[in-house]
Amino acid sequence: MAKAICADYNPVALLWADEQPAGAMQFRENKWGCVMWLAAHAARGGTAVAGVKTFGCIGGGVGLGFGDQYKNFPGGERGFCNFLSTGNRETEEGRTLAEKIRPFMREEAHDNFLRGERYIKTPALVGKFLEKLPVMQIPASYVVFKPLKDVNAKQEQPQSIIFFVNPDQLAALVVLANYGRAGNENVIIPYAAGCQTIGIYPYREAKTAQPRAVVGLTDLSARVYIRKQLANGNLLTFAVPPALFAEMEQNVQGSFLERPTWRELVARKE
């Protein structure tokens, strides 16, 4: 499939593990980092890992399946609801907390804590957003990112396969996800953090009778961060649960990916 869409980067396998792979990239304990950097590292050919103390940020902990980390956000869930919307500066409690945590936060994060990221209109709506997130606790100590080509199929089972794709490649994968199925809604684009669209959403889909693919990197903050990691940063993610991935792989041969329209798009890219 990667060859057929002329992927610029390795498809990335996201796996659960109880041991850390030797030499894998990992954030320092309790230090900030964007989970999408770990995925990008694997897309470039490396291996990366996150654990319960090394997932980089609160949203990343949630996104990878380390439970409800929002309760650990400064000010708890209420503080996060304000952070994602209008900010914490409207209350004395919020302003006091902001001063207390200032030495431990990046300047950008502190400004967002006070003034809000404004990604959702009100704190109440953020609460509704959190209610819909498929928060879960995975049955493993670590989440590993590695190129799919490096996965040992006899010993390792990916939980999600992630493609970094441009618009043409995304279009091809959307068509392919629907190609062998009845119905035409086999791909979803939930509003969520970049890490959540490659982690907990594909995890949830994998448990269903007819799992769907998940488009991500509509997270504006993650888009800023990923441009520092990949040469062509103007990309989206396409995360595929294992069963759907196998189905799509089998459907490449004989499909539109061997026909003139797709070849014309590929030729234009080159």
C-alpha atoms as a PDB file:
ATOM      1  CA  MET A   1       0.000   0.000   0.000  1.00  0.00           C
ATOM      2  CA  ALA A   2       2.789   2.435   0.857  1.00  0.00           C
ATOM      3  CA  LYS A   3       4.487   1.651  -2.443  1.00  0.00           C
ATOM      4  CA  ALA A   4       1.247   2.055  -4.377  1.00  0.00           C
ATOM      5  CA  ILE A   5       0.556   5.543  -2.978  1.00  0.00           C
ATOM      6  CA  CYS A   6       4.232   6.536  -3.358  1.00  0.00           C
ATOM      7  CA  ALA A   7       4.540   7.304   0.356  1.00  0.00           C
ATOM      8  CA  ASP A   8       7.358   9.682   1.263  1.00  0.00           C
ATOM      9  CA  TYR A   9       7.707   8.247   4.773  1.00  0.00           C
ATOM     10  CA  ASN A  10       7.630   4.819   6.368  1.00  0.00           C
ATOM     11  CA  PRO A  11       4.232   3.638   7.557  1.00  0.00           C
ATOM     12  CA  VAL A  12       4.523   3.586  11.337  1.00  0.00           C
ATOM     13  CA  ALA A  13       3.424   0.711  13.554  1.00  0.00           C
ATOM     14  CA  LEU A  14       2.146   1.680  16.991  1.00  0.00           C
ATOM     15  CA  LEU A  15       2.558  -1.240  19.388  1.00  0.00           C
ATOM     16  CA  TRP A  16       1.975  -1.988  23.064  1.00  0.00           C
ATOM     17  CA  ALA A  17       4.857  -3.505  25.001  1.00  0.00           C
ATOM     18  CA  ASP A  18       5.854  -4.366  28.556  1.00  0.00           C
ATOM     19  CA  GLU A  19       9.534  -3.675  27.907  1.00  0.00           C
ATOM     20  CA  GLN A  20      11.306  -0.733  26.314  1.00  0.00           C
ATOM     21  CA  PRO A  21      13.116  -1.435  23.045  1.00  0.00           C
ATOM     22  CA  ALA A  22      16.848  -0.843  23.373  1.00  0.00           C
ATOM     23  CA  GLY A  23      18.087   2.471  22.000  1.00  0.00           C
ATOM     24  CA  ALA A  24      14.640   3.896  21.344  1.00  0.00           C
ATOM     25  CA  MET A  25      14.035   7.642  21.394  1.00  0.00           C
ATOM     26  CA  GLN A  26      12.158   8.648  24.555  1.00  0.00           C
ATOM     27  CA  PHE A  27      11.298  11.867  26.369  1.00  0.00           C
ATOM     28  CA  ARG A  28      12.818  12.435  29.783  1.00  0.00           C
ATOM     29  CA  GLU A  29      10.581  11.573  32.717  1.00  0.00           C
ATOM     30  CA  ASN A  30       7.877  14.141  33.383  1.00  0.00           C
ATOM     31  CA  LYS A  31       9.282  16.512  30.739  1.00  0.00           C
ATOM     32  CA  TRP A  32       7.199  18.092  28.004  1.00  0.00           C
ATOM     33  CA  GLY A  33       7.274  16.778  24.448  1.00  0.00           C
ATOM     34  CA  CYS A  34       4.815  16.224  21.595  1.00  0.00           C
ATOM     35  CA  VAL A  35       3.900  12.585  20.959  1.00  0.00           C
ATOM     36  CA  MET A  36       3.772  13.340  17.248  1.00  0.00           C
ATOM     37  CA  TRP A  37       7.547  13.755  17.362  1.00  0.00           C
ATOM     38  CA  LEU A  38       7.803  10.082  18.343  1.00  0.00           C
ATOM     39  CA  ALA A  39       5.639   9.058  15.401  1.00  0.00           C
ATOM     40  CA  ALA A  40       7.643  11.288  13.063  1.00  0.00           C
ATOM     41  CA  HIS A  41      10.887   9.735  14.323  1.00  0.00           C
ATOM     42  CA  ALA A  42       9.567   6.308  13.340  1.00  0.00           C
ATOM     43  CA  ALA A  43       8.367   7.626   9.979  1.00  0.00           C
ATOM     44  CA  ARG A  44      11.981   8.625   9.309  1.00  0.00           C
ATOM     45  CA  GLY A  45      13.186   5.110  10.159  1.00  0.00           C
ATOM     46  CA  GLY A  46      13.859   5.150  13.912  1.00  0.00           C
ATOM     47  CA  THR A  47      12.208   3.603  16.956  1.00  0.00           C
ATOM     48  CA  ALA A  48      10.595   5.606  19.759  1.00  0.00           C
ATOM     49  CA  VAL A  49       8.811   4.734  22.981  1.00  0.00           C
ATOM     50  CA  ALA A  50       6.551   6.378  25.564  1.00  0.00           C
ATOM     51  CA  GLY A  51       5.736   5.182  29.066  1.00  0.00           C
ATOM     52  CA  VAL A  52       3.511   6.373  31.865  1.00  0.00           C
ATOM     53  CA  LYS A  53       6.171   8.923  32.915  1.00  0.00           C
ATOM     54  CA  THR A  54       7.481   9.726  29.441  1.00  0.00           C
ATOM     55  CA  PHE A  55       4.443  10.514  27.290  1.00  0.00           C
ATOM     56  CA  GLY A  56       5.420  14.162  26.979  1.00  0.00           C
ATOM     57  CA  CYS A  57       2.176  16.017  27.676  1.00  0.00           C
ATOM     58  CA  ILE A  58      -1.191  15.474  29.341  1.00  0.00           C
ATOM     59  CA  GLY A  59      -3.051  15.102  26.036  1.00  0.00           C
ATOM     60  CA  GLY A  60      -0.379  12.697  24.851  1.00  0.00           C
ATOM     61  CA  GLY A  61      -0.873  10.484  27.882  1.00  0.00           C
ATOM     62  CA  VAL A  62      -4.576  10.348  27.120  1.00  0.00           C
ATOM     63  CA  GLY A  63      -3.951   9.862  23.403  1.00  0.00           C
ATOM     64  CA  LEU A  64      -1.660   6.875  23.854  1.00  0.00           C
ATOM     65  CA  GLY A  65      -4.001   5.141  26.290  1.00  0.00           C
ATOM     66  CA  PHE A  66      -2.464   5.866  29.683  1.00  0.00           C
ATOM     67  CA  GLY A  67      -5.800   6.606  31.286  1.00  0.00           C
ATOM     68  CA  ASP A  68      -7.449   9.921  32.162  1.00  0.00           C
ATOM     69  CA  GLN A  69      -4.440  12.175  32.543  1.00  0.00           C
ATOM     70  CA  TYR A  70      -6.570  15.326  32.421  1.00  0.00           C
ATOM     71  CA  LYS A  71      -7.130  14.990  36.161  1.00  0.00           C
ATOM     72  CA  ASN A  72      -3.377  15.670  36.508  1.00  0.00           C
ATOM     73  CA  PHE A  73      -3.527  18.924  34.535  1.00  0.00           C
ATOM     74  CA  PRO A  74      -2.855  22.084  36.608  1.00  0.00           C
ATOM     75  CA  GLY A  75      -6.215  22.881  38.140  1.00  0.00           C
ATOM     76  CA  GLY A  76      -7.516  19.417  37.239  1.00  0.00           C
ATOM     77  CA  GLU A  77     -10.138  18.860  34.562  1.00  0.00           C
ATOM     78  CA  ARG A  78     -11.587  22.309  35.196  1.00  0.00           C
ATOM     79  CA  GLY A  79      -8.197  23.871  34.538  1.00  0.00           C
ATOM     80  CA  PHE A  80      -7.911  21.962  31.277  1.00  0.00           C
ATOM     81  CA  CYS A  81     -11.417  22.943  30.178  1.00  0.00           C
ATOM     82  CA  ASN A  82     -10.427  26.587  30.656  1.00  0.00           C
ATOM     83  CA  PHE A  83      -7.046  26.027  28.957  1.00  0.00           C
ATOM     84  CA  LEU A  84      -8.575  24.608  25.773  1.00  0.00           C
ATOM     85  CA  SER A  85     -11.147  27.387  25.593  1.00  0.00           C
ATOM     86  CA  THR A  86     -11.086  30.855  27.176  1.00  0.00           C
ATOM     87  CA  GLY A  87      -8.229  30.498  29.645  1.00  0.00           C
ATOM     88  CA  ASN A  88      -7.781  30.567  33.417  1.00  0.00           C
ATOM     89  CA  ARG A  89      -7.195  34.280  33.949  1.00  0.00           C
ATOM     90  CA  GLU A  90     -10.885  35.019  34.528  1.00  0.00           C
ATOM     91  CA  THR A  91     -10.794  33.719  38.113  1.00  0.00           C
ATOM     92  CA  GLU A  92      -8.570  34.578  41.039  1.00  0.00           C
ATOM     93  CA  GLU A  93      -7.964  30.879  41.569  1.00  0.00           C
ATOM     94  CA  GLY A  94      -6.778  30.531  37.975  1.00  0.00           C
ATOM     95  CA  ARG A  95      -4.493  33.550  38.130  1.00  0.00           C
ATOM     96  CA  THR A  96      -2.956  32.371  41.402  1.00  0.00           C
ATOM     97  CA  LEU A  97      -2.330  28.914  40.001  1.00  0.00           C
ATOM     98  CA  ALA A  98      -0.809  30.415  36.854  1.00  0.00           C
ATOM     99  CA  GLU A  99       1.776  32.283  38.917  1.00  0.00           C
ATOM    100  CA  LYS A 100       2.532  29.180  40.959  1.00  0.00           C
ATOM    101  CA  ILE A 101       3.227  26.976  37.943  1.00  0.00           C
ATOM    102  CA  ARG A 102       4.923  29.618  35.788  1.00  0.00           C
ATOM    103  CA  PRO A 103       8.500  28.465  36.579  1.00  0.00           C
ATOM    104  CA  PHE A 104       7.642  24.949  35.379  1.00  0.00           C
ATOM    105  CA  MET A 105       5.966  25.815  32.059  1.00  0.00           C
ATOM    106  CA  ARG A 106       7.137  26.890  28.641  1.00  0.00           C
ATOM    107  CA  GLU A 107       6.222  30.496  27.891  1.00  0.00           C
ATOM    108  CA  GLU A 108       3.779  29.428  25.171  1.00  0.00           C
ATOM    109  CA  ALA A 109       2.052  26.939  27.459  1.00  0.00           C
ATOM    110  CA  HIS A 110       1.802  29.471  30.275  1.00  0.00           C
ATOM    111  CA  ASP A 111       0.232  32.047  27.959  1.00  0.00           C
ATOM    112  CA  ASN A 112      -2.261  29.449  26.766  1.00  0.00           C
ATOM    113  CA  PHE A 113      -3.027  28.479  30.355  1.00  0.00           C
ATOM    114  CA  LEU A 114      -3.930  32.084  31.108  1.00  0.00           C
ATOM    115  CA  ARG A 115      -5.580  33.168  27.847  1.00  0.00           C
ATOM    116  CA  GLY A 116      -6.701  29.845  26.443  1.00  0.00           C
ATOM    117  CA  GLU A 117      -5.911  28.017  23.231  1.00  0.00           C
ATOM    118  CA  ARG A 118      -9.441  28.934  22.020  1.00  0.00           C
ATOM    119  CA  TYR A 119      -9.892  25.630  20.199  1.00  0.00           C
ATOM    120  CA  ILE A 120     -13.355  25.162  21.745  1.00  0.00           C
ATOM    121  CA  LYS A 121     -15.661  28.093  22.455  1.00  0.00           C
ATOM    122  CA  THR A 122     -16.472  27.542  26.126  1.00  0.00           C
ATOM    123  CA  PRO A 123     -15.213  25.471  29.073  1.00  0.00           C
ATOM    124  CA  ALA A 124     -18.602  23.747  29.204  1.00  0.00           C
ATOM    125  CA  LEU A 125     -18.197  22.581  25.616  1.00  0.00           C
ATOM    126  CA  VAL A 126     -14.719  21.282  26.436  1.00  0.00           C
ATOM    127  CA  GLY A 127     -16.388  19.187  29.135  1.00  0.00           C
ATOM    128  CA  LYS A 128     -18.694  17.729  26.478  1.00  0.00           C
ATOM    129  CA  PHE A 129     -15.651  17.067  24.286  1.00  0.00           C
ATOM    130  CA  LEU A 130     -13.980  15.139  27.116  1.00  0.00           C
ATOM    131  CA  GLU A 131     -17.111  13.064  27.652  1.00  0.00           C
ATOM    132  CA  LYS A 132     -16.875  11.808  24.067  1.00  0.00           C
ATOM    133  CA  LEU A 133     -13.170  10.924  24.111  1.00  0.00           C
ATOM    134  CA  PRO A 134     -12.600   7.139  24.164  1.00  0.00           C
ATOM    135  CA  VAL A 135     -10.277   7.386  27.182  1.00  0.00           C
ATOM    136  CA  MET A 136      -8.787   4.033  28.137  1.00  0.00           C
ATOM    137  CA  GLN A 137      -6.016   2.321  30.059  1.00  0.00           C
ATOM    138  CA  ILE A 138      -4.018   0.025  27.810  1.00  0.00           C
ATOM    139  CA  PRO A 139      -2.866  -3.341  29.214  1.00  0.00           C
ATOM    140  CA  ALA A 140       0.832  -2.561  28.743  1.00  0.00           C
ATOM    141  CA  SER A 141       3.573  -0.376  30.212  1.00  0.00           C
ATOM    142  CA  TYR A 142       4.808   1.203  26.981  1.00  0.00           C
ATOM    143  CA  VAL A 143       3.700   2.386  23.572  1.00  0.00           C
ATOM    144  CA  VAL A 144       6.299   1.817  20.855  1.00  0.00           C
ATOM    145  CA  PHE A 145       6.580   3.502  17.466  1.00  0.00           C
ATOM    146  CA  LYS A 146       8.637   1.822  14.771  1.00  0.00           C
ATOM    147  CA  PRO A 147       8.657   1.565  10.967  1.00  0.00           C
ATOM    148  CA  LEU A 148       6.153  -1.075   9.894  1.00  0.00           C
ATOM    149  CA  LYS A 149       8.871  -2.815   7.890  1.00  0.00           C
ATOM    150  CA  ASP A 150      10.767  -3.491  11.132  1.00  0.00           C
ATOM    151  CA  VAL A 151       7.883  -5.231  12.895  1.00  0.00           C
ATOM    152  CA  ASN A 152       8.350  -8.918  13.652  1.00  0.00           C
ATOM    153  CA  ALA A 153       4.969 -10.258  12.562  1.00  0.00           C
ATOM    154  CA  LYS A 154       5.426 -13.454  14.590  1.00  0.00           C
ATOM    155  CA  GLN A 155       6.062 -11.632  17.857  1.00  0.00           C
ATOM    156  CA  GLU A 156       4.539  -8.157  17.550  1.00  0.00           C
ATOM    157  CA  GLN A 157       0.975  -7.012  16.899  1.00  0.00           C
ATOM    158  CA  PRO A 158       0.468  -3.384  15.816  1.00  0.00           C
ATOM    159  CA  GLN A 159      -2.482  -1.625  17.414  1.00  0.00           C
ATOM    160  CA  SER A 160      -2.505   1.081  14.743  1.00  0.00           C
ATOM    161  CA  ILE A 161      -0.672   1.640  11.457  1.00  0.00           C
ATOM    162  CA  ILE A 162      -0.024   5.290  10.714  1.00  0.00           C
ATOM    163  CA  PHE A 163       0.650   6.946   7.371  1.00  0.00           C
ATOM    164  CA  PHE A 164       1.905  10.518   6.988  1.00  0.00           C
ATOM    165  CA  VAL A 165       0.333  11.636   3.720  1.00  0.00           C
ATOM    166  CA  ASN A 166      -0.202  14.586   1.413  1.00  0.00           C
ATOM    167  CA  PRO A 167      -3.705  15.407   0.080  1.00  0.00           C
ATOM    168  CA  ASP A 168      -3.457  13.126  -2.976  1.00  0.00           C
ATOM    169  CA  GLN A 169      -2.231  10.206  -0.886  1.00  0.00           C
ATOM    170  CA  LEU A 170      -4.923  10.847   1.702  1.00  0.00           C
ATOM    171  CA  ALA A 171      -7.561  10.803  -1.024  1.00  0.00           C
ATOM    172  CA  ALA A 172      -6.230   7.471  -2.295  1.00  0.00           C
ATOM    173  CA  LEU A 173      -6.324   5.904   1.157  1.00  0.00           C
ATOM    174  CA  VAL A 174      -9.865   7.128   1.762  1.00  0.00           C
ATOM    175  CA  VAL A 175     -10.971   5.547  -1.519  1.00  0.00           C
ATOM    176  CA  LEU A 176      -9.129   2.321  -0.707  1.00  0.00           C
ATOM    177  CA  ALA A 177     -10.674   2.101   2.791  1.00  0.00           C
ATOM    178  CA  ASN A 178     -14.118   2.161   1.162  1.00  0.00           C
ATOM    179  CA  TYR A 179     -13.180   0.131  -1.928  1.00  0.00           C
ATOM    180  CA  GLY A 180     -14.151  -3.343  -0.729  1.00  0.00           C
ATOM    181  CA  ARG A 181     -17.001  -2.429   1.594  1.00  0.00           C
ATOM    182  CA  ALA A 182     -20.676  -1.696   1.454  1.00  0.00           C
ATOM    183  CA  GLY A 183     -21.347   1.851   2.619  1.00  0.00           C
ATOM    184  CA  ASN A 184     -19.216   4.929   2.204  1.00  0.00           C
ATOM    185  CA  GLU A 185     -18.343   6.090   5.730  1.00  0.00           C
ATOM    186  CA  ASN A 186     -15.365   3.908   6.544  1.00  0.00           C
ATOM    187  CA  VAL A 187     -13.086   6.830   7.412  1.00  0.00           C
ATOM    188  CA  ILE A 188     -13.654   9.362  10.212  1.00  0.00           C
ATOM    189  CA  ILE A 189     -12.140  12.752  11.118  1.00  0.00           C
ATOM    190  CA  PRO A 190     -12.860  13.337  14.800  1.00  0.00           C
ATOM    191  CA  TYR A 191     -11.940  16.615  16.441  1.00  0.00           C
ATOM    192  CA  ALA A 192      -9.093  15.558  18.743  1.00  0.00           C
ATOM    193  CA  ALA A 193      -5.417  16.030  19.478  1.00  0.00           C
ATOM    194  CA  GLY A 194      -2.997  14.667  16.901  1.00  0.00           C
ATOM    195  CA  CYS A 195      -1.887  11.877  19.239  1.00  0.00           C
ATOM    196  CA  GLN A 196      -5.469  10.876  20.002  1.00  0.00           C
ATOM    197  CA  THR A 197      -6.222  10.307  16.312  1.00  0.00           C
ATOM    198  CA  ILE A 198      -3.340   7.809  16.027  1.00  0.00           C
ATOM    199  CA  GLY A 199      -3.919   6.187  19.424  1.00  0.00           C
ATOM    200  CA  ILE A 200      -7.192   5.935  21.322  1.00  0.00           C
ATOM    201  CA  TYR A 201      -9.463   6.490  18.317  1.00  0.00           C
ATOM    202  CA  PRO A 202      -7.914   3.664  16.241  1.00  0.00           C
ATOM    203  CA  TYR A 203      -7.831   1.547  19.422  1.00  0.00           C
ATOM    204  CA  ARG A 204     -11.570   2.074  19.770  1.00  0.00           C
ATOM    205  CA  GLU A 205     -12.216   1.318  16.115  1.00  0.00           C
ATOM    206  CA  ALA A 206     -10.207  -1.907  16.338  1.00  0.00           C
ATOM    207  CA  LYS A 207     -12.765  -3.263  18.812  1.00  0.00           C
ATOM    208  CA  THR A 208     -15.692  -2.814  16.413  1.00  0.00           C
ATOM    209  CA  ALA A 209     -17.060  -5.288  13.888  1.00  0.00           C
ATOM    210  CA  GLN A 210     -16.144  -3.015  10.980  1.00  0.00           C
ATOM    211  CA  PRO A 211     -13.272  -0.772  12.060  1.00  0.00           C
ATOM    212  CA  ARG A 212     -12.802   2.558  10.324  1.00  0.00           C
ATOM    213  CA  ALA A 213      -9.641   4.503   9.528  1.00  0.00           C
ATOM    214  CA  VAL A 214      -8.967   7.779  11.335  1.00  0.00           C
ATOM    215  CA  VAL A 215      -7.679  10.965   9.702  1.00  0.00           C
ATOM    216  CA  GLY A 216      -5.629  13.206  11.980  1.00  0.00           C
ATOM    217  CA  LEU A 217      -3.169  16.074  12.277  1.00  0.00           C
ATOM    218  CA  THR A 218      -6.009  18.557  12.088  1.00  0.00           C
ATOM    219  CA  ASP A 219      -4.656  19.561  15.517  1.00  0.00           C
ATOM    220  CA  LEU A 220      -3.147  22.985  14.787  1.00  0.00           C
ATOM    221  CA  SER A 221      -0.584  22.828  17.579  1.00  0.00           C
ATOM    222  CA  ALA A 222       0.606  19.397  16.447  1.00  0.00           C
ATOM    223  CA  ARG A 223       0.874  20.714  12.890  1.00  0.00           C
ATOM    224  CA  VAL A 224       3.259  23.420  14.085  1.00  0.00           C
ATOM    225  CA  TYR A 225       5.363  20.846  15.930  1.00  0.00           C
ATOM    226  CA  ILE A 226       5.446  18.269  13.113  1.00  0.00           C
ATOM    227  CA  ARG A 227       6.793  20.785  10.617  1.00  0.00           C
ATOM    228  CA  LYS A 228       9.964  20.844  12.697  1.00  0.00           C
ATOM    229  CA  GLN A 229      10.352  17.085  12.310  1.00  0.00           C
ATOM    230  CA  LEU A 230       9.501  16.173   8.716  1.00  0.00           C
ATOM    231  CA  ALA A 231      10.943  17.836   5.632  1.00  0.00           C
ATOM    232  CA  ASN A 232       7.511  18.003   4.046  1.00  0.00           C
ATOM    233  CA  GLY A 233       5.484  19.056   7.079  1.00  0.00           C
ATOM    234  CA  ASN A 234       2.297  19.835   5.163  1.00  0.00           C
ATOM    235  CA  LEU A 235       0.836  16.428   5.914  1.00  0.00           C
ATOM    236  CA  LEU A 236      -2.065  14.663   7.572  1.00  0.00           C
ATOM    237  CA  THR A 237      -2.121  11.299   9.308  1.00  0.00           C
ATOM    238  CA  PHE A 238      -4.177   8.298   8.289  1.00  0.00           C
ATOM    239  CA  ALA A 239      -4.322   5.733  11.090  1.00  0.00           C
ATOM    240  CA  VAL A 240      -5.591   2.257  10.292  1.00  0.00           C
ATOM    241  CA  PRO A 241      -6.679  -0.472  12.732  1.00  0.00           C
ATOM    242  CA  PRO A 242      -4.946  -3.799  11.947  1.00  0.00           C
ATOM    243  CA  ALA A 243      -7.969  -5.602  10.473  1.00  0.00           C
ATOM    244  CA  LEU A 244      -8.729  -2.754   8.081  1.00  0.00           C
ATOM    245  CA  PHE A 245      -5.054  -2.478   7.166  1.00  0.00           C
ATOM    246  CA  ALA A 246      -4.989  -6.140   6.117  1.00  0.00           C
ATOM    247  CA  GLU A 247      -8.150  -5.617   4.103  1.00  0.00           C
ATOM    248  CA  MET A 248      -6.736  -2.563   2.324  1.00  0.00           C
ATOM    249  CA  GLU A 249      -3.452  -4.340   1.572  1.00  0.00           C
ATOM    250  CA  GLN A 250      -5.327  -7.167  -0.112  1.00  0.00           C
ATOM    251  CA  ASN A 251      -7.328  -4.726  -2.199  1.00  0.00           C
ATOM    252  CA  VAL A 252      -4.408  -2.819  -3.749  1.00  0.00           C
ATOM    253  CA  GLN A 253      -3.987  -5.236  -6.632  1.00  0.00           C
ATOM    254  CA  GLY A 254      -6.622  -4.686  -9.296  1.00  0.00           C
ATOM    255  CA  SER A 255      -7.818  -1.400  -7.797  1.00  0.00           C
ATOM    256  CA  PHE A 256      -7.765   2.220  -8.998  1.00  0.00           C
ATOM    257  CA  LEU A 257      -4.154   2.398  -7.797  1.00  0.00           C
ATOM    258  CA  GLU A 258      -3.206   0.592 -11.021  1.00  0.00           C
ATOM    259  CA  ARG A 259      -5.289   2.830 -13.277  1.00  0.00           C
ATOM    260  CA  PRO A 260      -4.430   5.980 -15.285  1.00  0.00           C
ATOM    261  CA  THR A 261      -6.105   8.565 -13.004  1.00  0.00           C
ATOM    262  CA  TRP A 262      -3.944   7.677 -10.030  1.00  0.00           C
ATOM    263  CA  ARG A 263      -0.845   7.381 -12.199  1.00  0.00           C
ATOM    264  CA  GLU A 264      -1.507  10.875 -13.533  1.00  0.00           C
ATOM    265  CA  LEU A 265      -1.649  12.280 -10.007  1.00  0.00           C
ATOM    266  CA  VAL A 266       1.590  10.531  -9.105  1.00  0.00           C
ATOM    267  CA  ALA A 267       3.253  11.846 -12.261  1.00  0.00           C
ATOM    268  CA  ARG A 268       2.216  15.405 -11.420  1.00  0.00           C
ATOM    269  CA  LYS A 269       3.760  15.058  -7.971  1.00  0.00           C
ATOM    270  CA  GLU A 270       7.047  13.999  -9.508  1.00  0.00           C
END
